[in-house]
Amino acid sequence: MRLLACALFALALPAAAQDFEREKRWAAEVVPALVVGDAVRLRLPGTRDFLGLWTEAKPARGAVLLVHGSGVHPDFGVIGALRVSLSDAGYSTLSIQMPVLAADAPAADYEKLFVPEALWRIRAGAQWLQDRGQLKTFLLCHSLGCRMANAYYAETPEAPFAAWLVLGITGPFGKLGNLRGPVFDVWGERDFPSVLRDDWRRRLALNGVPGSEQKVIAGADHFFAGRERELTAALLEFMARVP
């Protein structure tokens, strides 16, 4: 009984660290201003749910689940741009709200949210797409969201995604054994130093994942500001080659 209580307490710690009020404020800001797509609610284990932005393409070539970086919302920056541009190109998109901390929380504190909270949200997004008949799906992540996706793949043997689209990952790749398809590792020419200096380590890690590629977007920074069109084109070119 004591061990069970300790386990439940440990499981609750990541949830307790989250700033749910900040998440609500993001939703209150984003949803009324939504121009493209629809707001949906996705269910987590227990009674909580969270925001997703669904943009349906008809007919759809596939679907993309988008995971943003630390402390923002599913319509922010490059993720907000891609959820629209990829849907315009024929891919339905679901951009999901990932867990957030207080605005002044250091990035390292987000690691405690990777499992189970971020893991649960990615799984919920994947299931939501499957329940709506989206059989060919891609997982696209940016910055810290890529590390959350790392944790998801490490803990999900039946990961359903046809490929993993990685934008500006701020750490090394984790366990890649649960991948069903290739990885597209993309970063900006003027990206963060940590992203730039680890490109060769990521290349070595991807040697064992058939079909994987790396791509540098010329002139782009970590957020691909002003280079969204070039980024979208590179993503679409790669996705078209994924069986």
C-alpha atoms as a PDB file:
ATOM      1  CA  MET A   1       0.000   0.000   0.000  1.00  0.00           C
ATOM      2  CA  ARG A   2       2.827   2.387   0.835  1.00  0.00           C
ATOM      3  CA  LEU A   3       4.504   1.678  -2.513  1.00  0.00           C
ATOM      4  CA  LEU A   4       1.238   2.334  -4.335  1.00  0.00           C
ATOM      5  CA  ALA A   5       0.788   5.627  -2.518  1.00  0.00           C
ATOM      6  CA  CYS A   6       4.332   6.696  -3.400  1.00  0.00           C
ATOM      7  CA  ALA A   7       3.797   5.785  -7.036  1.00  0.00           C
ATOM      8  CA  LEU A   8       0.576   7.771  -7.226  1.00  0.00           C
ATOM      9  CA  PHE A   9       2.253  10.735  -5.549  1.00  0.00           C
ATOM     10  CA  ALA A  10       5.150  10.626  -8.031  1.00  0.00           C
ATOM     11  CA  LEU A  11       2.686  10.458 -10.928  1.00  0.00           C
ATOM     12  CA  ALA A  12       0.871  13.509  -9.615  1.00  0.00           C
ATOM     13  CA  LEU A  13       3.988  15.679  -9.312  1.00  0.00           C
ATOM     14  CA  PRO A  14       4.244  16.689 -12.991  1.00  0.00           C
ATOM     15  CA  ALA A  15       0.558  17.662 -13.122  1.00  0.00           C
ATOM     16  CA  ALA A  16       0.906  19.711  -9.923  1.00  0.00           C
ATOM     17  CA  ALA A  17       3.802  21.651 -11.464  1.00  0.00           C
ATOM     18  CA  GLN A  18       1.755  22.769 -14.465  1.00  0.00           C
ATOM     19  CA  ASP A  19       0.260  26.229 -14.820  1.00  0.00           C
ATOM     20  CA  PHE A  20      -3.301  25.311 -15.746  1.00  0.00           C
ATOM     21  CA  GLU A  21      -4.476  28.896 -15.328  1.00  0.00           C
ATOM     22  CA  ARG A  22      -1.937  30.025 -17.910  1.00  0.00           C
ATOM     23  CA  GLU A  23      -3.174  27.289 -20.230  1.00  0.00           C
ATOM     24  CA  LYS A  24      -6.744  28.562 -19.792  1.00  0.00           C
ATOM     25  CA  ARG A  25      -5.615  32.100 -20.582  1.00  0.00           C
ATOM     26  CA  TRP A  26      -3.947  30.904 -23.773  1.00  0.00           C
ATOM     27  CA  ALA A  27      -7.203  29.204 -24.827  1.00  0.00           C
ATOM     28  CA  ALA A  28      -9.237  32.317 -24.001  1.00  0.00           C
ATOM     29  CA  GLU A  29      -6.905  34.351 -26.202  1.00  0.00           C
ATOM     30  CA  VAL A  30      -6.515  31.928 -29.103  1.00  0.00           C
ATOM     31  CA  VAL A  31     -10.010  30.519 -29.652  1.00  0.00           C
ATOM     32  CA  PRO A  32     -11.954  33.795 -30.178  1.00  0.00           C
ATOM     33  CA  ALA A  33      -9.282  35.025 -32.594  1.00  0.00           C
ATOM     34  CA  LEU A  34      -9.227  31.810 -34.634  1.00  0.00           C
ATOM     35  CA  VAL A  35      -9.558  32.523 -38.362  1.00  0.00           C
ATOM     36  CA  VAL A  36      -8.604  29.155 -39.864  1.00  0.00           C
ATOM     37  CA  GLY A  37      -9.663  25.833 -38.371  1.00  0.00           C
ATOM     38  CA  ASP A  38     -11.793  24.843 -35.402  1.00  0.00           C
ATOM     39  CA  ALA A  39     -11.114  24.550 -31.686  1.00  0.00           C
ATOM     40  CA  VAL A  40     -11.622  21.046 -30.286  1.00  0.00           C
ATOM     41  CA  ARG A  41     -11.135  19.501 -26.857  1.00  0.00           C
ATOM     42  CA  LEU A  42      -9.121  16.316 -26.409  1.00  0.00           C
ATOM     43  CA  ARG A  43      -9.486  14.038 -23.407  1.00  0.00           C
ATOM     44  CA  LEU A  44      -6.683  13.119 -21.012  1.00  0.00           C
ATOM     45  CA  PRO A  45      -6.741  10.241 -18.503  1.00  0.00           C
ATOM     46  CA  GLY A  46      -9.122  11.213 -15.706  1.00  0.00           C
ATOM     47  CA  THR A  47     -11.411  14.221 -16.043  1.00  0.00           C
ATOM     48  CA  ARG A  48      -9.187  16.831 -17.711  1.00  0.00           C
ATOM     49  CA  ASP A  49      -9.147  17.846 -21.332  1.00  0.00           C
ATOM     50  CA  PHE A  50      -7.042  20.230 -23.412  1.00  0.00           C
ATOM     51  CA  LEU A  51      -7.187  22.417 -26.508  1.00  0.00           C
ATOM     52  CA  GLY A  52      -6.524  21.345 -30.059  1.00  0.00           C
ATOM     53  CA  LEU A  53      -6.814  23.318 -33.299  1.00  0.00           C
ATOM     54  CA  TRP A  54      -8.206  21.159 -36.092  1.00  0.00           C
ATOM     55  CA  THR A  55      -7.925  22.247 -39.728  1.00  0.00           C
ATOM     56  CA  GLU A  56      -9.411  19.730 -42.133  1.00  0.00           C
ATOM     57  CA  ALA A  57      -8.246  19.383 -45.733  1.00  0.00           C
ATOM     58  CA  LYS A  58     -10.679  17.931 -48.273  1.00  0.00           C
ATOM     59  CA  PRO A  59      -9.641  15.693 -49.844  1.00  0.00           C
ATOM     60  CA  ALA A  60      -6.787  14.980 -47.431  1.00  0.00           C
ATOM     61  CA  ARG A  61      -3.452  13.451 -48.401  1.00  0.00           C
ATOM     62  CA  GLY A  62      -2.869  12.627 -44.737  1.00  0.00           C
ATOM     63  CA  ALA A  63      -2.796  14.373 -41.382  1.00  0.00           C
ATOM     64  CA  VAL A  64      -0.182  16.093 -39.248  1.00  0.00           C
ATOM     65  CA  LEU A  65      -0.117  16.315 -35.457  1.00  0.00           C
ATOM     66  CA  LEU A  66       1.784  19.476 -34.441  1.00  0.00           C
ATOM     67  CA  VAL A  67       3.599  19.881 -31.112  1.00  0.00           C
ATOM     68  CA  HIS A  68       4.829  23.353 -30.115  1.00  0.00           C
ATOM     69  CA  GLY A  69       7.765  24.344 -27.910  1.00  0.00           C
ATOM     70  CA  SER A  70       7.915  25.547 -24.310  1.00  0.00           C
ATOM     71  CA  GLY A  71       5.439  27.934 -22.758  1.00  0.00           C
ATOM     72  CA  VAL A  72       3.375  28.855 -25.811  1.00  0.00           C
ATOM     73  CA  HIS A  73       0.127  27.768 -27.496  1.00  0.00           C
ATOM     74  CA  PRO A  74      -0.886  25.704 -30.562  1.00  0.00           C
ATOM     75  CA  ASP A  75      -1.285  28.724 -32.856  1.00  0.00           C
ATOM     76  CA  PHE A  76       2.041  30.339 -31.966  1.00  0.00           C
ATOM     77  CA  GLY A  77       4.868  31.172 -34.358  1.00  0.00           C
ATOM     78  CA  VAL A  78       6.042  28.564 -36.818  1.00  0.00           C
ATOM     79  CA  ILE A  79       3.584  25.951 -35.536  1.00  0.00           C
ATOM     80  CA  GLY A  80       0.681  28.317 -36.128  1.00  0.00           C
ATOM     81  CA  ALA A  81       1.958  29.049 -39.634  1.00  0.00           C
ATOM     82  CA  LEU A  82       2.480  25.381 -40.499  1.00  0.00           C
ATOM     83  CA  ARG A  83      -0.912  24.204 -39.299  1.00  0.00           C
ATOM     84  CA  VAL A  84      -2.405  26.499 -41.964  1.00  0.00           C
ATOM     85  CA  SER A  85       0.124  26.102 -44.790  1.00  0.00           C
ATOM     86  CA  LEU A  86       0.141  22.306 -44.565  1.00  0.00           C
ATOM     87  CA  SER A  87      -3.667  22.191 -44.599  1.00  0.00           C
ATOM     88  CA  ASP A  88      -3.655  24.451 -47.664  1.00  0.00           C
ATOM     89  CA  ALA A  89      -1.358  21.859 -49.285  1.00  0.00           C
ATOM     90  CA  GLY A  90      -3.787  18.993 -48.609  1.00  0.00           C
ATOM     91  CA  TYR A  91      -2.836  17.703 -45.151  1.00  0.00           C
ATOM     92  CA  SER A  92      -5.332  17.973 -42.316  1.00  0.00           C
ATOM     93  CA  THR A  93      -3.640  19.374 -39.218  1.00  0.00           C
ATOM     94  CA  LEU A  94      -4.217  19.050 -35.489  1.00  0.00           C
ATOM     95  CA  SER A  95      -2.110  21.416 -33.394  1.00  0.00           C
ATOM     96  CA  ILE A  96      -2.328  20.576 -29.690  1.00  0.00           C
ATOM     97  CA  GLN A  97      -1.738  22.516 -26.504  1.00  0.00           C
ATOM     98  CA  MET A  98       1.252  21.061 -24.681  1.00  0.00           C
ATOM     99  CA  PRO A  99       1.752  21.477 -20.917  1.00  0.00           C
ATOM    100  CA  VAL A 100       3.036  24.851 -19.757  1.00  0.00           C
ATOM    101  CA  LEU A 101       4.738  26.201 -16.655  1.00  0.00           C
ATOM    102  CA  ALA A 102       4.846  29.725 -15.287  1.00  0.00           C
ATOM    103  CA  ALA A 103       6.268  32.314 -17.678  1.00  0.00           C
ATOM    104  CA  ASP A 104       9.493  32.645 -15.672  1.00  0.00           C
ATOM    105  CA  ALA A 105      10.127  28.894 -15.355  1.00  0.00           C
ATOM    106  CA  PRO A 106      13.496  27.733 -16.757  1.00  0.00           C
ATOM    107  CA  ALA A 107      13.389  25.386 -19.744  1.00  0.00           C
ATOM    108  CA  ALA A 108      14.995  22.600 -17.693  1.00  0.00           C
ATOM    109  CA  ASP A 109      11.896  22.451 -15.468  1.00  0.00           C
ATOM    110  CA  TYR A 110       9.846  21.255 -18.421  1.00  0.00           C
ATOM    111  CA  GLU A 111      11.613  17.901 -18.324  1.00  0.00           C
ATOM    112  CA  LYS A 112       9.433  16.816 -15.405  1.00  0.00           C
ATOM    113  CA  LEU A 113       6.395  17.206 -17.685  1.00  0.00           C
ATOM    114  CA  PHE A 114       7.644  14.933 -20.456  1.00  0.00           C
ATOM    115  CA  VAL A 115       6.290  11.797 -18.766  1.00  0.00           C
ATOM    116  CA  PRO A 116       3.446  11.360 -18.329  1.00  0.00           C
ATOM    117  CA  GLU A 117       1.795  14.672 -19.261  1.00  0.00           C
ATOM    118  CA  ALA A 118       3.358  15.446 -22.666  1.00  0.00           C
ATOM    119  CA  LEU A 119       3.297  11.744 -23.494  1.00  0.00           C
ATOM    120  CA  TRP A 120      -0.442  11.579 -22.745  1.00  0.00           C
ATOM    121  CA  ARG A 121      -1.198  14.597 -24.898  1.00  0.00           C
ATOM    122  CA  ILE A 122       0.629  13.269 -27.948  1.00  0.00           C
ATOM    123  CA  ARG A 123      -1.078   9.915 -27.531  1.00  0.00           C
ATOM    124  CA  ALA A 124      -4.453  11.622 -27.229  1.00  0.00           C
ATOM    125  CA  GLY A 125      -3.781  13.604 -30.407  1.00  0.00           C
ATOM    126  CA  ALA A 126      -2.755  10.488 -32.321  1.00  0.00           C
ATOM    127  CA  GLN A 127      -5.880   8.647 -31.166  1.00  0.00           C
ATOM    128  CA  TRP A 128      -8.112  11.602 -32.042  1.00  0.00           C
ATOM    129  CA  LEU A 129      -6.790  11.535 -35.609  1.00  0.00           C
ATOM    130  CA  GLN A 130      -7.161   7.773 -35.906  1.00  0.00           C
ATOM    131  CA  ASP A 131     -10.745   7.929 -34.608  1.00  0.00           C
ATOM    132  CA  ARG A 132     -11.530  10.298 -37.485  1.00  0.00           C
ATOM    133  CA  GLY A 133     -10.115   7.990 -40.114  1.00  0.00           C
ATOM    134  CA  GLN A 134      -6.769   9.763 -40.566  1.00  0.00           C
ATOM    135  CA  LEU A 135      -4.694   6.660 -41.251  1.00  0.00           C
ATOM    136  CA  LYS A 136      -1.516   8.227 -42.657  1.00  0.00           C
ATOM    137  CA  THR A 137      -0.321  10.645 -40.001  1.00  0.00           C
ATOM    138  CA  PHE A 138       2.872  12.573 -39.343  1.00  0.00           C
ATOM    139  CA  LEU A 139       4.215  13.908 -36.061  1.00  0.00           C
ATOM    140  CA  LEU A 140       5.706  17.406 -36.387  1.00  0.00           C
ATOM    141  CA  CYS A 141       7.401  19.131 -33.467  1.00  0.00           C
ATOM    142  CA  HIS A 142       9.399  22.275 -32.792  1.00  0.00           C
ATOM    143  CA  SER A 143      12.170  23.048 -30.286  1.00  0.00           C
ATOM    144  CA  LEU A 144      11.410  21.676 -26.801  1.00  0.00           C
ATOM    145  CA  GLY A 145       8.379  19.961 -28.285  1.00  0.00           C
ATOM    146  CA  CYS A 146      10.821  17.640 -30.068  1.00  0.00           C
ATOM    147  CA  ARG A 147      12.193  16.518 -26.728  1.00  0.00           C
ATOM    148  CA  MET A 148       8.636  15.849 -25.608  1.00  0.00           C
ATOM    149  CA  ALA A 149       8.232  13.752 -28.761  1.00  0.00           C
ATOM    150  CA  ASN A 150      11.460  11.934 -27.865  1.00  0.00           C
ATOM    151  CA  ALA A 151       9.824  10.882 -24.593  1.00  0.00           C
ATOM    152  CA  TYR A 152       6.676   9.844 -26.444  1.00  0.00           C
ATOM    153  CA  TYR A 153       8.552   7.563 -28.832  1.00  0.00           C
ATOM    154  CA  ALA A 154      10.617   6.042 -26.031  1.00  0.00           C
ATOM    155  CA  GLU A 155       7.423   5.012 -24.210  1.00  0.00           C
ATOM    156  CA  THR A 156       5.199   4.081 -27.179  1.00  0.00           C
ATOM    157  CA  PRO A 157       6.005   0.812 -28.957  1.00  0.00           C
ATOM    158  CA  GLU A 158       2.947   1.135 -31.223  1.00  0.00           C
ATOM    159  CA  ALA A 159       3.573   4.729 -32.325  1.00  0.00           C
ATOM    160  CA  PRO A 160       1.296   5.150 -35.386  1.00  0.00           C
ATOM    161  CA  PHE A 161       3.087   7.943 -37.254  1.00  0.00           C
ATOM    162  CA  ALA A 162       4.382   7.403 -40.790  1.00  0.00           C
ATOM    163  CA  ALA A 163       7.271   9.837 -40.174  1.00  0.00           C
ATOM    164  CA  TRP A 164       8.642  12.216 -37.557  1.00  0.00           C
ATOM    165  CA  LEU A 165       9.241  15.814 -38.679  1.00  0.00           C
ATOM    166  CA  VAL A 166      11.723  17.480 -36.312  1.00  0.00           C
ATOM    167  CA  LEU A 167      12.262  21.247 -36.316  1.00  0.00           C
ATOM    168  CA  GLY A 168      15.150  22.692 -34.321  1.00  0.00           C
ATOM    169  CA  ILE A 169      15.479  19.931 -31.742  1.00  0.00           C
ATOM    170  CA  THR A 170      17.305  21.302 -28.691  1.00  0.00           C
ATOM    171  CA  GLY A 171      18.864  18.032 -27.584  1.00  0.00           C
ATOM    172  CA  PRO A 172      19.957  14.658 -28.939  1.00  0.00           C
ATOM    173  CA  PHE A 173      17.629  12.041 -30.339  1.00  0.00           C
ATOM    174  CA  GLY A 174      16.486   9.509 -27.773  1.00  0.00           C
ATOM    175  CA  LYS A 175      15.525   5.903 -28.384  1.00  0.00           C
ATOM    176  CA  LEU A 176      14.450   5.522 -32.000  1.00  0.00           C
ATOM    177  CA  GLY A 177      13.507   1.854 -31.934  1.00  0.00           C
ATOM    178  CA  ASN A 178       9.762   2.543 -31.826  1.00  0.00           C
ATOM    179  CA  LEU A 179       9.724   4.574 -35.045  1.00  0.00           C
ATOM    180  CA  ARG A 180       7.581   3.198 -37.859  1.00  0.00           C
ATOM    181  CA  GLY A 181       9.074   5.461 -40.499  1.00  0.00           C
ATOM    182  CA  PRO A 182      11.828   7.955 -41.252  1.00  0.00           C
ATOM    183  CA  VAL A 183      12.882  11.168 -39.514  1.00  0.00           C
ATOM    184  CA  PHE A 184      13.219  14.566 -41.204  1.00  0.00           C
ATOM    185  CA  ASP A 185      15.653  16.606 -39.094  1.00  0.00           C
ATOM    186  CA  VAL A 186      15.349  20.300 -40.036  1.00  0.00           C
ATOM    187  CA  TRP A 187      16.996  23.382 -38.582  1.00  0.00           C
ATOM    188  CA  GLY A 188      17.776  26.968 -39.499  1.00  0.00           C
ATOM    189  CA  GLU A 189      21.090  28.220 -40.826  1.00  0.00           C
ATOM    190  CA  ARG A 190      21.127  30.698 -37.897  1.00  0.00           C
ATOM    191  CA  ASP A 191      19.657  28.326 -35.327  1.00  0.00           C
ATOM    192  CA  PHE A 192      20.608  28.058 -31.655  1.00  0.00           C
ATOM    193  CA  PRO A 193      24.273  27.036 -31.124  1.00  0.00           C
ATOM    194  CA  SER A 194      23.188  23.801 -29.404  1.00  0.00           C
ATOM    195  CA  VAL A 195      21.170  22.809 -32.468  1.00  0.00           C
ATOM    196  CA  LEU A 196      23.962  23.655 -34.897  1.00  0.00           C
ATOM    197  CA  ARG A 197      26.807  21.916 -33.094  1.00  0.00           C
ATOM    198  CA  ASP A 198      24.906  18.632 -32.596  1.00  0.00           C
ATOM    199  CA  ASP A 199      23.940  18.081 -36.229  1.00  0.00           C
ATOM    200  CA  TRP A 200      26.606  15.395 -36.679  1.00  0.00           C
ATOM    201  CA  ARG A 201      25.432  13.496 -33.584  1.00  0.00           C
ATOM    202  CA  ARG A 202      21.903  13.518 -34.904  1.00  0.00           C
ATOM    203  CA  ARG A 203      23.179  12.344 -38.298  1.00  0.00           C
ATOM    204  CA  LEU A 204      24.871   9.353 -36.669  1.00  0.00           C
ATOM    205  CA  ALA A 205      21.706   8.518 -34.753  1.00  0.00           C
ATOM    206  CA  LEU A 206      19.656   8.592 -37.959  1.00  0.00           C
ATOM    207  CA  ASN A 207      21.988   6.262 -39.850  1.00  0.00           C
ATOM    208  CA  GLY A 208      19.976   3.328 -38.557  1.00  0.00           C
ATOM    209  CA  VAL A 209      16.601   4.803 -39.586  1.00  0.00           C
ATOM    210  CA  PRO A 210      16.017   4.147 -43.313  1.00  0.00           C
ATOM    211  CA  GLY A 211      14.756   7.064 -45.383  1.00  0.00           C
ATOM    212  CA  SER A 212      15.746   9.708 -42.838  1.00  0.00           C
ATOM    213  CA  GLU A 213      17.139  13.038 -44.026  1.00  0.00           C
ATOM    214  CA  GLN A 214      18.524  16.309 -42.707  1.00  0.00           C
ATOM    215  CA  LYS A 215      17.836  19.765 -44.095  1.00  0.00           C
ATOM    216  CA  VAL A 216      19.121  23.266 -43.323  1.00  0.00           C
ATOM    217  CA  ILE A 217      16.792  26.140 -44.196  1.00  0.00           C
ATOM    218  CA  ALA A 218      18.975  28.951 -45.556  1.00  0.00           C
ATOM    219  CA  GLY A 219      18.778  32.215 -43.641  1.00  0.00           C
ATOM    220  CA  ALA A 220      16.398  30.844 -41.024  1.00  0.00           C
ATOM    221  CA  ASP A 221      16.699  31.294 -37.276  1.00  0.00           C
ATOM    222  CA  HIS A 222      15.415  28.885 -34.632  1.00  0.00           C
ATOM    223  CA  PHE A 223      11.842  30.061 -35.175  1.00  0.00           C
ATOM    224  CA  PHE A 224      11.994  30.056 -39.007  1.00  0.00           C
ATOM    225  CA  ALA A 225      10.626  33.608 -38.966  1.00  0.00           C
ATOM    226  CA  GLY A 226      10.279  34.861 -42.534  1.00  0.00           C
ATOM    227  CA  ARG A 227      11.252  31.439 -43.896  1.00  0.00           C
ATOM    228  CA  GLU A 228       7.935  29.646 -43.357  1.00  0.00           C
ATOM    229  CA  ARG A 229       7.348  29.243 -47.109  1.00  0.00           C
ATOM    230  CA  GLU A 230      10.719  27.551 -47.650  1.00  0.00           C
ATOM    231  CA  LEU A 231      10.139  25.346 -44.611  1.00  0.00           C
ATOM    232  CA  THR A 232       6.694  24.283 -45.808  1.00  0.00           C
ATOM    233  CA  ALA A 233       8.090  23.407 -49.239  1.00  0.00           C
ATOM    234  CA  ALA A 234      10.848  21.260 -47.699  1.00  0.00           C
ATOM    235  CA  LEU A 235       8.365  19.446 -45.466  1.00  0.00           C
ATOM    236  CA  LEU A 236       5.972  18.743 -48.315  1.00  0.00           C
ATOM    237  CA  GLU A 237       8.774  17.428 -50.528  1.00  0.00           C
ATOM    238  CA  PHE A 238       9.871  15.015 -47.824  1.00  0.00           C
ATOM    239  CA  MET A 239       6.345  13.931 -46.868  1.00  0.00           C
ATOM    240  CA  ALA A 240       5.533  13.111 -50.489  1.00  0.00           C
ATOM    241  CA  ARG A 241       8.315  10.499 -50.440  1.00  0.00           C
ATOM    242  CA  VAL A 242       7.032   8.729 -47.316  1.00  0.00           C
ATOM    243  CA  PRO A 243       5.079   5.586 -48.242  1.00  0.00           C
END
